Amino acid sequence: MNQYEAAAEIADEIPSIQKEIVKAPVFGSAYLCIKVLANYTLKMIQDHEIREVQHSMILAEKIYNKGNQLVKTAIENVFIYSFSAMKMLCSRQEWQEIQSKMPVNIFSVYIQQLHA
C-alpha cells in the first residue's frame, strides 16, 4: 500500500476527516495523511471516545501491515510517536484501556520506541 492508497483507506474508514485527507498536499504525503489520522485520534481521546480511538488504531495497524516502507515509517514516526501526547490527554485508566486494546504490531512498535 502506497501513500495514495493509505490516504484513500483513511478517507473511506473515517468519513469525518475525508475532506482534510483528500486536500493537496495531504493526499500525496504519507506523513501528512498519517498526521491527520493522529490528530483525529487525539481529538477522540479528548472527547473520551475510546471506541473511536480503538477504530483509529485498528486502521493504523491495517495500513501499517499492508504499507510500503514509506507508509510504515510515517506511522512509526507520526502516529505511534503521538502516543505520548495521547497518554497525557486521558486518565490513567483510559490509557490502560487503550493500551489493552492496541493492535499487536502497533503496540510492539510503541514499546520499541519507549525503550529506544
PDB file of N, CA and C in Angstrom:
ATOM      1  N   MET A   1       0.852  -1.172   0.000  1.00  0.00           N
ATOM      2  CA  MET A   1       0.000   0.000   0.000  1.00  0.00           C
ATOM      3  C   MET A   1       0.902   1.241   0.000  1.00  0.00           C
ATOM      4  N   ASN A   2       0.687   2.112  -0.973  1.00  0.00           N
ATOM      5  CA  ASN A   2       1.467   3.346  -1.022  1.00  0.00           C
ATOM      6  C   ASN A   2       0.715   4.479  -0.318  1.00  0.00           C
ATOM      7  N   GLN A   3       1.284   5.689  -0.349  1.00  0.00           N
ATOM      8  CA  GLN A   3       0.684   6.804   0.388  1.00  0.00           C
ATOM      9  C   GLN A   3      -0.688   7.201  -0.159  1.00  0.00           C
ATOM     10  N   TYR A   4      -0.926   7.014  -1.442  1.00  0.00           N
ATOM     11  CA  TYR A   4      -2.224   7.349  -2.023  1.00  0.00           C
ATOM     12  C   TYR A   4      -3.284   6.345  -1.571  1.00  0.00           C
ATOM     13  N   GLU A   5      -2.919   5.078  -1.561  1.00  0.00           N
ATOM     14  CA  GLU A   5      -3.844   4.043  -1.099  1.00  0.00           C
ATOM     15  C   GLU A   5      -4.116   4.183   0.396  1.00  0.00           C
ATOM     16  N   ALA A   6      -3.093   4.546   1.165  1.00  0.00           N
ATOM     17  CA  ALA A   6      -3.278   4.757   2.608  1.00  0.00           C
ATOM     18  C   ALA A   6      -4.233   5.920   2.854  1.00  0.00           C
ATOM     19  N   ALA A   7      -4.045   7.003   2.108  1.00  0.00           N
ATOM     20  CA  ALA A   7      -4.932   8.167   2.253  1.00  0.00           C
ATOM     21  C   ALA A   7      -6.368   7.792   1.899  1.00  0.00           C
ATOM     22  N   ALA A   8      -6.547   7.037   0.825  1.00  0.00           N
ATOM     23  CA  ALA A   8      -7.888   6.606   0.419  1.00  0.00           C
ATOM     24  C   ALA A   8      -8.516   5.702   1.476  1.00  0.00           C
ATOM     25  N   GLU A   9      -7.718   4.828   2.061  1.00  0.00           N
ATOM     26  CA  GLU A   9      -8.206   3.924   3.116  1.00  0.00           C
ATOM     27  C   GLU A   9      -8.688   4.726   4.332  1.00  0.00           C
ATOM     28  N   ILE A  10      -7.913   5.720   4.730  1.00  0.00           N
ATOM     29  CA  ILE A  10      -8.298   6.564   5.871  1.00  0.00           C
ATOM     30  C   ILE A  10      -9.583   7.318   5.547  1.00  0.00           C
ATOM     31  N   ALA A  11      -9.647   7.906   4.352  1.00  0.00           N
ATOM     32  CA  ALA A  11     -10.834   8.665   3.945  1.00  0.00           C
ATOM     33  C   ALA A  11     -12.079   7.779   3.912  1.00  0.00           C
ATOM     34  N   ASP A  12     -11.934   6.541   3.450  1.00  0.00           N
ATOM     35  CA  ASP A  12     -13.069   5.611   3.405  1.00  0.00           C
ATOM     36  C   ASP A  12     -13.516   5.187   4.799  1.00  0.00           C
ATOM     37  N   GLU A  13     -12.560   4.943   5.678  1.00  0.00           N
ATOM     38  CA  GLU A  13     -12.861   4.432   7.022  1.00  0.00           C
ATOM     39  C   GLU A  13     -13.386   5.509   7.975  1.00  0.00           C
ATOM     40  N   ILE A  14     -12.918   6.748   7.795  1.00  0.00           N
ATOM     41  CA  ILE A  14     -13.315   7.826   8.709  1.00  0.00           C
ATOM     42  C   ILE A  14     -13.830   9.001   7.875  1.00  0.00           C
ATOM     43  N   PRO A  15     -15.103   8.946   7.486  1.00  0.00           N
ATOM     44  CA  PRO A  15     -15.665   9.979   6.615  1.00  0.00           C
ATOM     45  C   PRO A  15     -15.549  11.406   7.165  1.00  0.00           C
ATOM     46  N   SER A  16     -15.526  11.563   8.471  1.00  0.00           N
ATOM     47  CA  SER A  16     -15.470  12.914   9.052  1.00  0.00           C
ATOM     48  C   SER A  16     -14.161  13.642   8.760  1.00  0.00           C
ATOM     49  N   ILE A  17     -13.107  12.916   8.378  1.00  0.00           N
ATOM     50  CA  ILE A  17     -11.845  13.582   8.034  1.00  0.00           C
ATOM     51  C   ILE A  17     -11.516  13.451   6.545  1.00  0.00           C
ATOM     52  N   GLN A  18     -12.483  12.968   5.777  1.00  0.00           N
ATOM     53  CA  GLN A  18     -12.267  12.745   4.349  1.00  0.00           C
ATOM     54  C   GLN A  18     -11.851  14.021   3.619  1.00  0.00           C
ATOM     55  N   LYS A  19     -12.529  15.135   3.885  1.00  0.00           N
ATOM     56  CA  LYS A  19     -12.198  16.393   3.197  1.00  0.00           C
ATOM     57  C   LYS A  19     -10.766  16.817   3.467  1.00  0.00           C
ATOM     58  N   GLU A  20     -10.324  16.632   4.692  1.00  0.00           N
ATOM     59  CA  GLU A  20      -8.961  17.010   5.057  1.00  0.00           C
ATOM     60  C   GLU A  20      -7.930  16.096   4.393  1.00  0.00           C
ATOM     61  N   ILE A  21      -8.257  14.831   4.276  1.00  0.00           N
ATOM     62  CA  ILE A  21      -7.344  13.847   3.675  1.00  0.00           C
ATOM     63  C   ILE A  21      -7.162  14.086   2.178  1.00  0.00           C
ATOM     64  N   VAL A  22      -8.226  14.388   1.466  1.00  0.00           N
ATOM     65  CA  VAL A  22      -8.132  14.485   0.004  1.00  0.00           C
ATOM     66  C   VAL A  22      -7.591  15.823  -0.491  1.00  0.00           C
ATOM     67  N   LYS A  23      -7.369  16.769   0.403  1.00  0.00           N
ATOM     68  CA  LYS A  23      -6.776  18.052   0.010  1.00  0.00           C
ATOM     69  C   LYS A  23      -5.324  17.856  -0.402  1.00  0.00           C
ATOM     70  N   ALA A  24      -4.909  18.611  -1.405  1.00  0.00           N
ATOM     71  CA  ALA A  24      -3.466  18.678  -1.691  1.00  0.00           C
ATOM     72  C   ALA A  24      -2.898  19.636  -0.660  1.00  0.00           C
ATOM     73  N   PRO A  25      -1.750  19.442  -0.115  1.00  0.00           N
ATOM     74  CA  PRO A  25      -0.752  18.408  -0.383  1.00  0.00           C
ATOM     75  C   PRO A  25      -0.915  17.159   0.486  1.00  0.00           C
ATOM     76  N   VAL A  26      -1.964  17.105   1.308  1.00  0.00           N
ATOM     77  CA  VAL A  26      -2.119  15.969   2.230  1.00  0.00           C
ATOM     78  C   VAL A  26      -2.211  14.650   1.474  1.00  0.00           C
ATOM     79  N   PHE A  27      -3.012  14.609   0.420  1.00  0.00           N
ATOM     80  CA  PHE A  27      -3.264  13.352  -0.283  1.00  0.00           C
ATOM     81  C   PHE A  27      -1.985  12.722  -0.830  1.00  0.00           C
ATOM     82  N   GLY A  28      -1.014  13.517  -1.231  1.00  0.00           N
ATOM     83  CA  GLY A  28       0.218  12.979  -1.790  1.00  0.00           C
ATOM     84  C   GLY A  28       1.312  12.709  -0.782  1.00  0.00           C
ATOM     85  N   SER A  29       1.052  12.980   0.486  1.00  0.00           N
ATOM     86  CA  SER A  29       2.092  12.839   1.506  1.00  0.00           C
ATOM     87  C   SER A  29       1.706  11.803   2.556  1.00  0.00           C
ATOM     88  N   ALA A  30       2.525  10.774   2.668  1.00  0.00           N
ATOM     89  CA  ALA A  30       2.277   9.752   3.693  1.00  0.00           C
ATOM     90  C   ALA A  30       2.281  10.386   5.077  1.00  0.00           C
ATOM     91  N   TYR A  31       3.242  11.265   5.320  1.00  0.00           N
ATOM     92  CA  TYR A  31       3.373  11.874   6.649  1.00  0.00           C
ATOM     93  C   TYR A  31       2.183  12.765   6.982  1.00  0.00           C
ATOM     94  N   LEU A  32       1.734  13.573   6.021  1.00  0.00           N
ATOM     95  CA  LEU A  32       0.611  14.476   6.302  1.00  0.00           C
ATOM     96  C   LEU A  32      -0.700  13.721   6.483  1.00  0.00           C
ATOM     97  N   CYS A  33      -0.932  12.675   5.699  1.00  0.00           N
ATOM     98  CA  CYS A  33      -2.198  11.949   5.879  1.00  0.00           C
ATOM     99  C   CYS A  33      -2.197  11.173   7.193  1.00  0.00           C
ATOM    100  N   ILE A  34      -1.060  10.650   7.606  1.00  0.00           N
ATOM    101  CA  ILE A  34      -0.979   9.968   8.903  1.00  0.00           C
ATOM    102  C   ILE A  34      -1.102  10.987  10.036  1.00  0.00           C
ATOM    103  N   LYS A  35      -0.617  12.204   9.817  1.00  0.00           N
ATOM    104  CA  LYS A  35      -0.765  13.278  10.813  1.00  0.00           C
ATOM    105  C   LYS A  35      -2.245  13.616  11.008  1.00  0.00           C
ATOM    106  N   VAL A  36      -3.007  13.636   9.929  1.00  0.00           N
ATOM    107  CA  VAL A  36      -4.454  13.875  10.033  1.00  0.00           C
ATOM    108  C   VAL A  36      -5.098  12.773  10.880  1.00  0.00           C
ATOM    109  N   LEU A  37      -4.712  11.527  10.647  1.00  0.00           N
ATOM    110  CA  LEU A  37      -5.237  10.410  11.446  1.00  0.00           C
ATOM    111  C   LEU A  37      -4.832  10.550  12.913  1.00  0.00           C
ATOM    112  N   ALA A  38      -3.590  10.929  13.159  1.00  0.00           N
ATOM    113  CA  ALA A  38      -3.119  11.113  14.544  1.00  0.00           C
ATOM    114  C   ALA A  38      -3.882  12.242  15.230  1.00  0.00           C
ATOM    115  N   ASN A  39      -4.081  13.355  14.535  1.00  0.00           N
ATOM    116  CA  ASN A  39      -4.822  14.484  15.113  1.00  0.00           C
ATOM    117  C   ASN A  39      -6.267  14.099  15.414  1.00  0.00           C
ATOM    118  N   TYR A  40      -6.871  13.341  14.519  1.00  0.00           N
ATOM    119  CA  TYR A  40      -8.231  12.856  14.740  1.00  0.00           C
ATOM    120  C   TYR A  40      -8.279  11.969  15.989  1.00  0.00           C
ATOM    121  N   THR A  41      -7.305  11.096  16.124  1.00  0.00           N
ATOM    122  CA  THR A  41      -7.250  10.197  17.279  1.00  0.00           C
ATOM    123  C   THR A  41      -7.060  10.988  18.568  1.00  0.00           C
ATOM    124  N   LEU A  42      -6.207  12.000  18.529  1.00  0.00           N
ATOM    125  CA  LEU A  42      -6.029  12.877  19.701  1.00  0.00           C
ATOM    126  C   LEU A  42      -7.350  13.544  20.084  1.00  0.00           C
ATOM    127  N   LYS A  43      -8.094  14.005  19.080  1.00  0.00           N
ATOM    128  CA  LYS A  43      -9.393  14.643  19.345  1.00  0.00           C
ATOM    129  C   LYS A  43     -10.361  13.642  19.965  1.00  0.00           C
ATOM    130  N   MET A  44     -10.354  12.419  19.486  1.00  0.00           N
ATOM    131  CA  MET A  44     -11.241  11.395  20.036  1.00  0.00           C
ATOM    132  C   MET A  44     -10.868  11.074  21.488  1.00  0.00           C
ATOM    133  N   ILE A  45      -9.593  11.114  21.799  1.00  0.00           N
ATOM    134  CA  ILE A  45      -9.172  10.906  23.190  1.00  0.00           C
ATOM    135  C   ILE A  45      -9.668  12.053  24.060  1.00  0.00           C
ATOM    136  N   GLN A  46      -9.522  13.276  23.575  1.00  0.00           N
ATOM    137  CA  GLN A  46     -10.011  14.438  24.337  1.00  0.00           C
ATOM    138  C   GLN A  46     -11.507  14.331  24.597  1.00  0.00           C
ATOM    139  N   ASP A  47     -12.232  13.778  23.631  1.00  0.00           N
ATOM    140  CA  ASP A  47     -13.684  13.627  23.754  1.00  0.00           C
ATOM    141  C   ASP A  47     -14.079  12.326  24.458  1.00  0.00           C
ATOM    142  N   HIS A  48     -13.081  11.558  24.918  1.00  0.00           N
ATOM    143  CA  HIS A  48     -13.292  10.287  25.620  1.00  0.00           C
ATOM    144  C   HIS A  48     -14.064   9.273  24.769  1.00  0.00           C
ATOM    145  N   GLU A  49     -13.818   9.312  23.471  1.00  0.00           N
ATOM    146  CA  GLU A  49     -14.432   8.375  22.526  1.00  0.00           C
ATOM    147  C   GLU A  49     -13.480   7.193  22.320  1.00  0.00           C
ATOM    148  N   ILE A  50     -13.398   6.341  23.319  1.00  0.00           N
ATOM    149  CA  ILE A  50     -12.419   5.255  23.332  1.00  0.00           C
ATOM    150  C   ILE A  50     -12.656   4.266  22.189  1.00  0.00           C
ATOM    151  N   ARG A  51     -13.905   4.000  21.853  1.00  0.00           N
ATOM    152  CA  ARG A  51     -14.190   3.100  20.724  1.00  0.00           C
ATOM    153  C   ARG A  51     -13.628   3.655  19.418  1.00  0.00           C
ATOM    154  N   GLU A  52     -13.746   4.966  19.242  1.00  0.00           N
ATOM    155  CA  GLU A  52     -13.234   5.589  18.018  1.00  0.00           C
ATOM    156  C   GLU A  52     -11.706   5.609  18.014  1.00  0.00           C
ATOM    157  N   VAL A  53     -11.115   5.743  19.197  1.00  0.00           N
ATOM    158  CA  VAL A  53      -9.653   5.647  19.320  1.00  0.00           C
ATOM    159  C   VAL A  53      -9.215   4.247  18.899  1.00  0.00           C
ATOM    160  N   GLN A  54      -9.917   3.248  19.381  1.00  0.00           N
ATOM    161  CA  GLN A  54      -9.606   1.866  19.016  1.00  0.00           C
ATOM    162  C   GLN A  54      -9.761   1.669  17.504  1.00  0.00           C
ATOM    163  N   HIS A  55     -10.800   2.243  16.920  1.00  0.00           N
ATOM    164  CA  HIS A  55     -11.013   2.151  15.470  1.00  0.00           C
ATOM    165  C   HIS A  55      -9.825   2.751  14.718  1.00  0.00           C
ATOM    166  N   SER A  56      -9.337   3.896  15.177  1.00  0.00           N
ATOM    167  CA  SER A  56      -8.176   4.539  14.547  1.00  0.00           C
ATOM    168  C   SER A  56      -6.939   3.654  14.641  1.00  0.00           C
ATOM    169  N   MET A  57      -6.763   3.026  15.783  1.00  0.00           N
ATOM    170  CA  MET A  57      -5.588   2.172  15.976  1.00  0.00           C
ATOM    171  C   MET A  57      -5.659   0.921  15.099  1.00  0.00           C
ATOM    172  N   ILE A  58      -6.843   0.361  14.971  1.00  0.00           N
ATOM    173  CA  ILE A  58      -7.023  -0.798  14.092  1.00  0.00           C
ATOM    174  C   ILE A  58      -6.744  -0.397  12.642  1.00  0.00           C
ATOM    175  N   LEU A  59      -7.217   0.777  12.255  1.00  0.00           N
ATOM    176  CA  LEU A  59      -6.955   1.283  10.910  1.00  0.00           C
ATOM    177  C   LEU A  59      -5.458   1.510  10.695  1.00  0.00           C
ATOM    178  N   ALA A  60      -4.793   2.108  11.669  1.00  0.00           N
ATOM    179  CA  ALA A  60      -3.343   2.329  11.568  1.00  0.00           C
ATOM    180  C   ALA A  60      -2.609   0.996  11.436  1.00  0.00           C
ATOM    181  N   GLU A  61      -3.040  -0.007  12.182  1.00  0.00           N
ATOM    182  CA  GLU A  61      -2.433  -1.345  12.105  1.00  0.00           C
ATOM    183  C   GLU A  61      -2.616  -1.943  10.714  1.00  0.00           C
ATOM    184  N   LYS A  62      -3.818  -1.824  10.178  1.00  0.00           N
ATOM    185  CA  LYS A  62      -4.119  -2.354   8.843  1.00  0.00           C
ATOM    186  C   LYS A  62      -3.220  -1.689   7.798  1.00  0.00           C
ATOM    187  N   ILE A  63      -3.111  -0.370   7.872  1.00  0.00           N
ATOM    188  CA  ILE A  63      -2.266   0.375   6.936  1.00  0.00           C
ATOM    189  C   ILE A  63      -0.799   0.015   7.146  1.00  0.00           C
ATOM    190  N   TYR A  64      -0.393  -0.116   8.388  1.00  0.00           N
ATOM    191  CA  TYR A  64       0.994  -0.473   8.705  1.00  0.00           C
ATOM    192  C   TYR A  64       1.340  -1.849   8.128  1.00  0.00           C
ATOM    193  N   ASN A  65       0.466  -2.805   8.320  1.00  0.00           N
ATOM    194  CA  ASN A  65       0.724  -4.171   7.855  1.00  0.00           C
ATOM    195  C   ASN A  65       0.794  -4.271   6.333  1.00  0.00           C
ATOM    196  N   LYS A  66      -0.020  -3.471   5.636  1.00  0.00           N
ATOM    197  CA  LYS A  66      -0.064  -3.526   4.173  1.00  0.00           C
ATOM    198  C   LYS A  66       0.828  -2.476   3.517  1.00  0.00           C
ATOM    199  N   GLY A  67       1.320  -1.532   4.310  1.00  0.00           N
ATOM    200  CA  GLY A  67       2.024  -0.383   3.752  1.00  0.00           C
ATOM    201  C   GLY A  67       3.424  -0.667   3.251  1.00  0.00           C
ATOM    202  N   ASN A  68       3.852   0.165   2.292  1.00  0.00           N
ATOM    203  CA  ASN A  68       5.244   0.104   1.858  1.00  0.00           C
ATOM    204  C   ASN A  68       6.113   0.749   2.942  1.00  0.00           C
ATOM    205  N   GLN A  69       7.402   0.787   2.732  1.00  0.00           N
ATOM    206  CA  GLN A  69       8.309   1.279   3.773  1.00  0.00           C
ATOM    207  C   GLN A  69       8.031   2.734   4.141  1.00  0.00           C
ATOM    208  N   LEU A  70       7.700   3.572   3.160  1.00  0.00           N
ATOM    209  CA  LEU A  70       7.397   4.981   3.433  1.00  0.00           C
ATOM    210  C   LEU A  70       6.192   5.110   4.364  1.00  0.00           C
ATOM    211  N   VAL A  71       5.153   4.357   4.077  1.00  0.00           N
ATOM    212  CA  VAL A  71       3.930   4.400   4.888  1.00  0.00           C
ATOM    213  C   VAL A  71       4.206   3.862   6.292  1.00  0.00           C
ATOM    214  N   LYS A  72       4.944   2.765   6.388  1.00  0.00           N
ATOM    215  CA  LYS A  72       5.284   2.205   7.709  1.00  0.00           C
ATOM    216  C   LYS A  72       6.077   3.214   8.537  1.00  0.00           C
ATOM    217  N   THR A  73       7.041   3.858   7.913  1.00  0.00           N
ATOM    218  CA  THR A  73       7.855   4.847   8.620  1.00  0.00           C
ATOM    219  C   THR A  73       7.002   6.025   9.071  1.00  0.00           C
ATOM    220  N   ALA A  74       6.060   6.448   8.236  1.00  0.00           N
ATOM    221  CA  ALA A  74       5.163   7.549   8.611  1.00  0.00           C
ATOM    222  C   ALA A  74       4.320   7.166   9.827  1.00  0.00           C
ATOM    223  N   ILE A  75       3.810   5.951   9.857  1.00  0.00           N
ATOM    224  CA  ILE A  75       3.017   5.507  11.010  1.00  0.00           C
ATOM    225  C   ILE A  75       3.887   5.463  12.260  1.00  0.00           C
ATOM    226  N   GLU A  76       5.101   4.947  12.122  1.00  0.00           N
ATOM    227  CA  GLU A  76       6.004   4.880  13.275  1.00  0.00           C
ATOM    228  C   GLU A  76       6.376   6.273  13.780  1.00  0.00           C
ATOM    229  N   ASN A  77       6.717   7.178  12.866  1.00  0.00           N
ATOM    230  CA  ASN A  77       7.248   8.490  13.251  1.00  0.00           C
ATOM    231  C   ASN A  77       6.190   9.544  13.539  1.00  0.00           C
ATOM    232  N   VAL A  78       4.971   9.321  13.090  1.00  0.00           N
ATOM    233  CA  VAL A  78       3.908  10.309  13.317  1.00  0.00           C
ATOM    234  C   VAL A  78       2.834   9.740  14.239  1.00  0.00           C
ATOM    235  N   PHE A  79       2.173   8.667  13.812  1.00  0.00           N
ATOM    236  CA  PHE A  79       1.043   8.141  14.581  1.00  0.00           C
ATOM    237  C   PHE A  79       1.490   7.573  15.924  1.00  0.00           C
ATOM    238  N   ILE A  80       2.420   6.643  15.894  1.00  0.00           N
ATOM    239  CA  ILE A  80       2.847   5.999  17.144  1.00  0.00           C
ATOM    240  C   ILE A  80       3.607   6.985  18.023  1.00  0.00           C
ATOM    241  N   TYR A  81       4.379   7.861  17.410  1.00  0.00           N
ATOM    242  CA  TYR A  81       5.104   8.878  18.174  1.00  0.00           C
ATOM    243  C   TYR A  81       4.136   9.791  18.939  1.00  0.00           C
ATOM    244  N   SER A  82       2.926   9.981  18.405  1.00  0.00           N
ATOM    245  CA  SER A  82       1.937  10.851  19.061  1.00  0.00           C
ATOM    246  C   SER A  82       1.312  10.212  20.301  1.00  0.00           C
ATOM    247  N   PHE A  83       1.633   8.946  20.585  1.00  0.00           N
ATOM    248  CA  PHE A  83       1.057   8.281  21.751  1.00  0.00           C
ATOM    249  C   PHE A  83       1.411   8.987  23.053  1.00  0.00           C
ATOM    250  N   SER A  84       2.585   9.601  23.127  1.00  0.00           N
ATOM    251  CA  SER A  84       2.949  10.311  24.364  1.00  0.00           C
ATOM    252  C   SER A  84       1.987  11.471  24.609  1.00  0.00           C
ATOM    253  N   ALA A  85       1.589  12.172  23.551  1.00  0.00           N
ATOM    254  CA  ALA A  85       0.599  13.248  23.692  1.00  0.00           C
ATOM    255  C   ALA A  85      -0.769  12.669  24.031  1.00  0.00           C
ATOM    256  N   MET A  86      -1.099  11.550  23.412  1.00  0.00           N
ATOM    257  CA  MET A  86      -2.383  10.896  23.693  1.00  0.00           C
ATOM    258  C   MET A  86      -2.474  10.503  25.163  1.00  0.00           C
ATOM    259  N   LYS A  87      -1.386   9.949  25.665  1.00  0.00           N
ATOM    260  CA  LYS A  87      -1.352   9.486  27.059  1.00  0.00           C
ATOM    261  C   LYS A  87      -1.614  10.633  28.030  1.00  0.00           C
ATOM    262  N   MET A  88      -1.124  11.815  27.707  1.00  0.00           N
ATOM    263  CA  MET A  88      -1.308  12.972  28.591  1.00  0.00           C
ATOM    264  C   MET A  88      -2.731  13.519  28.552  1.00  0.00           C
ATOM    265  N   LEU A  89      -3.491  13.187  27.508  1.00  0.00           N
ATOM    266  CA  LEU A  89      -4.836  13.730  27.351  1.00  0.00           C
ATOM    267  C   LEU A  89      -5.927  12.909  28.028  1.00  0.00           C
ATOM    268  N   CYS A  90      -5.559  11.748  28.536  1.00  0.00           N
ATOM    269  CA  CYS A  90      -6.593  10.908  29.135  1.00  0.00           C
ATOM    270  C   CYS A  90      -6.177  10.457  30.528  1.00  0.00           C
ATOM    271  N   SER A  91      -7.126   9.880  31.216  1.00  0.00           N
ATOM    272  CA  SER A  91      -6.838   9.379  32.559  1.00  0.00           C
ATOM    273  C   SER A  91      -5.975   8.124  32.461  1.00  0.00           C
ATOM    274  N   ARG A  92      -5.377   7.776  33.572  1.00  0.00           N
ATOM    275  CA  ARG A  92      -4.553   6.558  33.626  1.00  0.00           C
ATOM    276  C   ARG A  92      -5.384   5.334  33.246  1.00  0.00           C
ATOM    277  N   GLN A  93      -6.601   5.288  33.758  1.00  0.00           N
ATOM    278  CA  GLN A  93      -7.498   4.165  33.471  1.00  0.00           C
ATOM    279  C   GLN A  93      -7.827   4.099  31.979  1.00  0.00           C
ATOM    280  N   GLU A  94      -8.109   5.254  31.362  1.00  0.00           N
ATOM    281  CA  GLU A  94      -8.400   5.274  29.929  1.00  0.00           C
ATOM    282  C   GLU A  94      -7.187   4.809  29.120  1.00  0.00           C
ATOM    283  N   TRP A  95      -5.982   5.283  29.505  1.00  0.00           N
ATOM    284  CA  TRP A  95      -4.782   4.888  28.768  1.00  0.00           C
ATOM    285  C   TRP A  95      -4.540   3.380  28.891  1.00  0.00           C
ATOM    286  N   GLN A  96      -4.787   2.829  30.075  1.00  0.00           N
ATOM    287  CA  GLN A  96      -4.634   1.380  30.247  1.00  0.00           C
ATOM    288  C   GLN A  96      -5.626   0.623  29.363  1.00  0.00           C
ATOM    289  N   GLU A  97      -6.838   1.141  29.269  1.00  0.00           N
ATOM    290  CA  GLU A  97      -7.844   0.514  28.402  1.00  0.00           C
ATOM    291  C   GLU A  97      -7.416   0.600  26.936  1.00  0.00           C
ATOM    292  N   ILE A  98      -6.924   1.767  26.537  1.00  0.00           N
ATOM    293  CA  ILE A  98      -6.455   1.953  25.158  1.00  0.00           C
ATOM    294  C   ILE A  98      -5.302   0.997  24.864  1.00  0.00           C
ATOM    295  N   GLN A  99      -4.336   0.936  25.771  1.00  0.00           N
ATOM    296  CA  GLN A  99      -3.189   0.036  25.579  1.00  0.00           C
ATOM    297  C   GLN A  99      -3.633  -1.421  25.475  1.00  0.00           C
ATOM    298  N   SER A 100      -4.586  -1.811  26.302  1.00  0.00           N
ATOM    299  CA  SER A 100      -5.030  -3.212  26.303  1.00  0.00           C
ATOM    300  C   SER A 100      -5.716  -3.591  24.994  1.00  0.00           C
ATOM    301  N   LYS A 101      -6.215  -2.596  24.267  1.00  0.00           N
ATOM    302  CA  LYS A 101      -6.916  -2.864  23.014  1.00  0.00           C
ATOM    303  C   LYS A 101      -6.091  -2.501  21.781  1.00  0.00           C
ATOM    304  N   MET A 102      -4.847  -2.063  21.990  1.00  0.00           N
ATOM    305  CA  MET A 102      -3.986  -1.733  20.848  1.00  0.00           C
ATOM    306  C   MET A 102      -3.698  -2.988  20.038  1.00  0.00           C
ATOM    307  N   PRO A 103      -3.751  -2.860  18.718  1.00  0.00           N
ATOM    308  CA  PRO A 103      -3.351  -3.996  17.883  1.00  0.00           C
ATOM    309  C   PRO A 103      -1.889  -4.376  18.149  1.00  0.00           C
ATOM    310  N   VAL A 104      -1.567  -5.635  17.951  1.00  0.00           N
ATOM    311  CA  VAL A 104      -0.271  -6.201  18.336  1.00  0.00           C
ATOM    312  C   VAL A 104       0.920  -5.466  17.725  1.00  0.00           C
ATOM    313  N   ASN A 105       0.918  -5.246  16.414  1.00  0.00           N
ATOM    314  CA  ASN A 105       2.080  -4.609  15.782  1.00  0.00           C
ATOM    315  C   ASN A 105       2.250  -3.160  16.218  1.00  0.00           C
ATOM    316  N   ILE A 106       1.147  -2.443  16.351  1.00  0.00           N
ATOM    317  CA  ILE A 106       1.211  -1.048  16.802  1.00  0.00           C
ATOM    318  C   ILE A 106       1.763  -1.005  18.227  1.00  0.00           C
ATOM    319  N   PHE A 107       1.276  -1.878  19.086  1.00  0.00           N
ATOM    320  CA  PHE A 107       1.754  -1.925  20.468  1.00  0.00           C
ATOM    321  C   PHE A 107       3.238  -2.280  20.516  1.00  0.00           C
ATOM    322  N   SER A 108       3.650  -3.219  19.697  1.00  0.00           N
ATOM    323  CA  SER A 108       5.048  -3.642  19.656  1.00  0.00           C
ATOM    324  C   SER A 108       5.976  -2.496  19.248  1.00  0.00           C
ATOM    325  N   VAL A 109       5.594  -1.747  18.222  1.00  0.00           N
ATOM    326  CA  VAL A 109       6.409  -0.602  17.789  1.00  0.00           C
ATOM    327  C   VAL A 109       6.426   0.466  18.879  1.00  0.00           C
ATOM    328  N   TYR A 110       5.295   0.676  19.531  1.00  0.00           N
ATOM    329  CA  TYR A 110       5.215   1.644  20.631  1.00  0.00           C
ATOM    330  C   TYR A 110       6.188   1.260  21.753  1.00  0.00           C
ATOM    331  N   ILE A 111       6.197   0.002  22.137  1.00  0.00           N
ATOM    332  CA  ILE A 111       7.109  -0.467  23.193  1.00  0.00           C
ATOM    333  C   ILE A 111       8.560  -0.296  22.753  1.00  0.00           C
ATOM    334  N   GLN A 112       8.856  -0.599  21.503  1.00  0.00           N
ATOM    335  CA  GLN A 112      10.219  -0.403  20.984  1.00  0.00           C
ATOM    336  C   GLN A 112      10.629   1.063  21.069  1.00  0.00           C
ATOM    337  N   GLN A 113       9.701   1.970  20.749  1.00  0.00           N
ATOM    338  CA  GLN A 113      10.004   3.404  20.832  1.00  0.00           C
ATOM    339  C   GLN A 113      10.249   3.828  22.273  1.00  0.00           C
ATOM    340  N   LEU A 114       9.496   3.269  23.200  1.00  0.00           N
ATOM    341  CA  LEU A 114       9.681   3.616  24.609  1.00  0.00           C
ATOM    342  C   LEU A 114      11.058   3.223  25.115  1.00  0.00           C
ATOM    343  N   HIS A 115      11.573   2.119  24.598  1.00  0.00           N
ATOM    344  CA  HIS A 115      12.849   1.590  25.078  1.00  0.00           C
ATOM    345  C   HIS A 115      14.029   1.938  24.177  1.00  0.00           C
ATOM    346  N   ALA A 116      13.802   2.810  23.211  1.00  0.00           N
ATOM    347  CA  ALA A 116      14.895   3.195  22.290  1.00  0.00           C
ATOM    348  C   ALA A 116      15.784   4.253  22.913  1.00  0.00           C
TER     349      ALA A 116
END
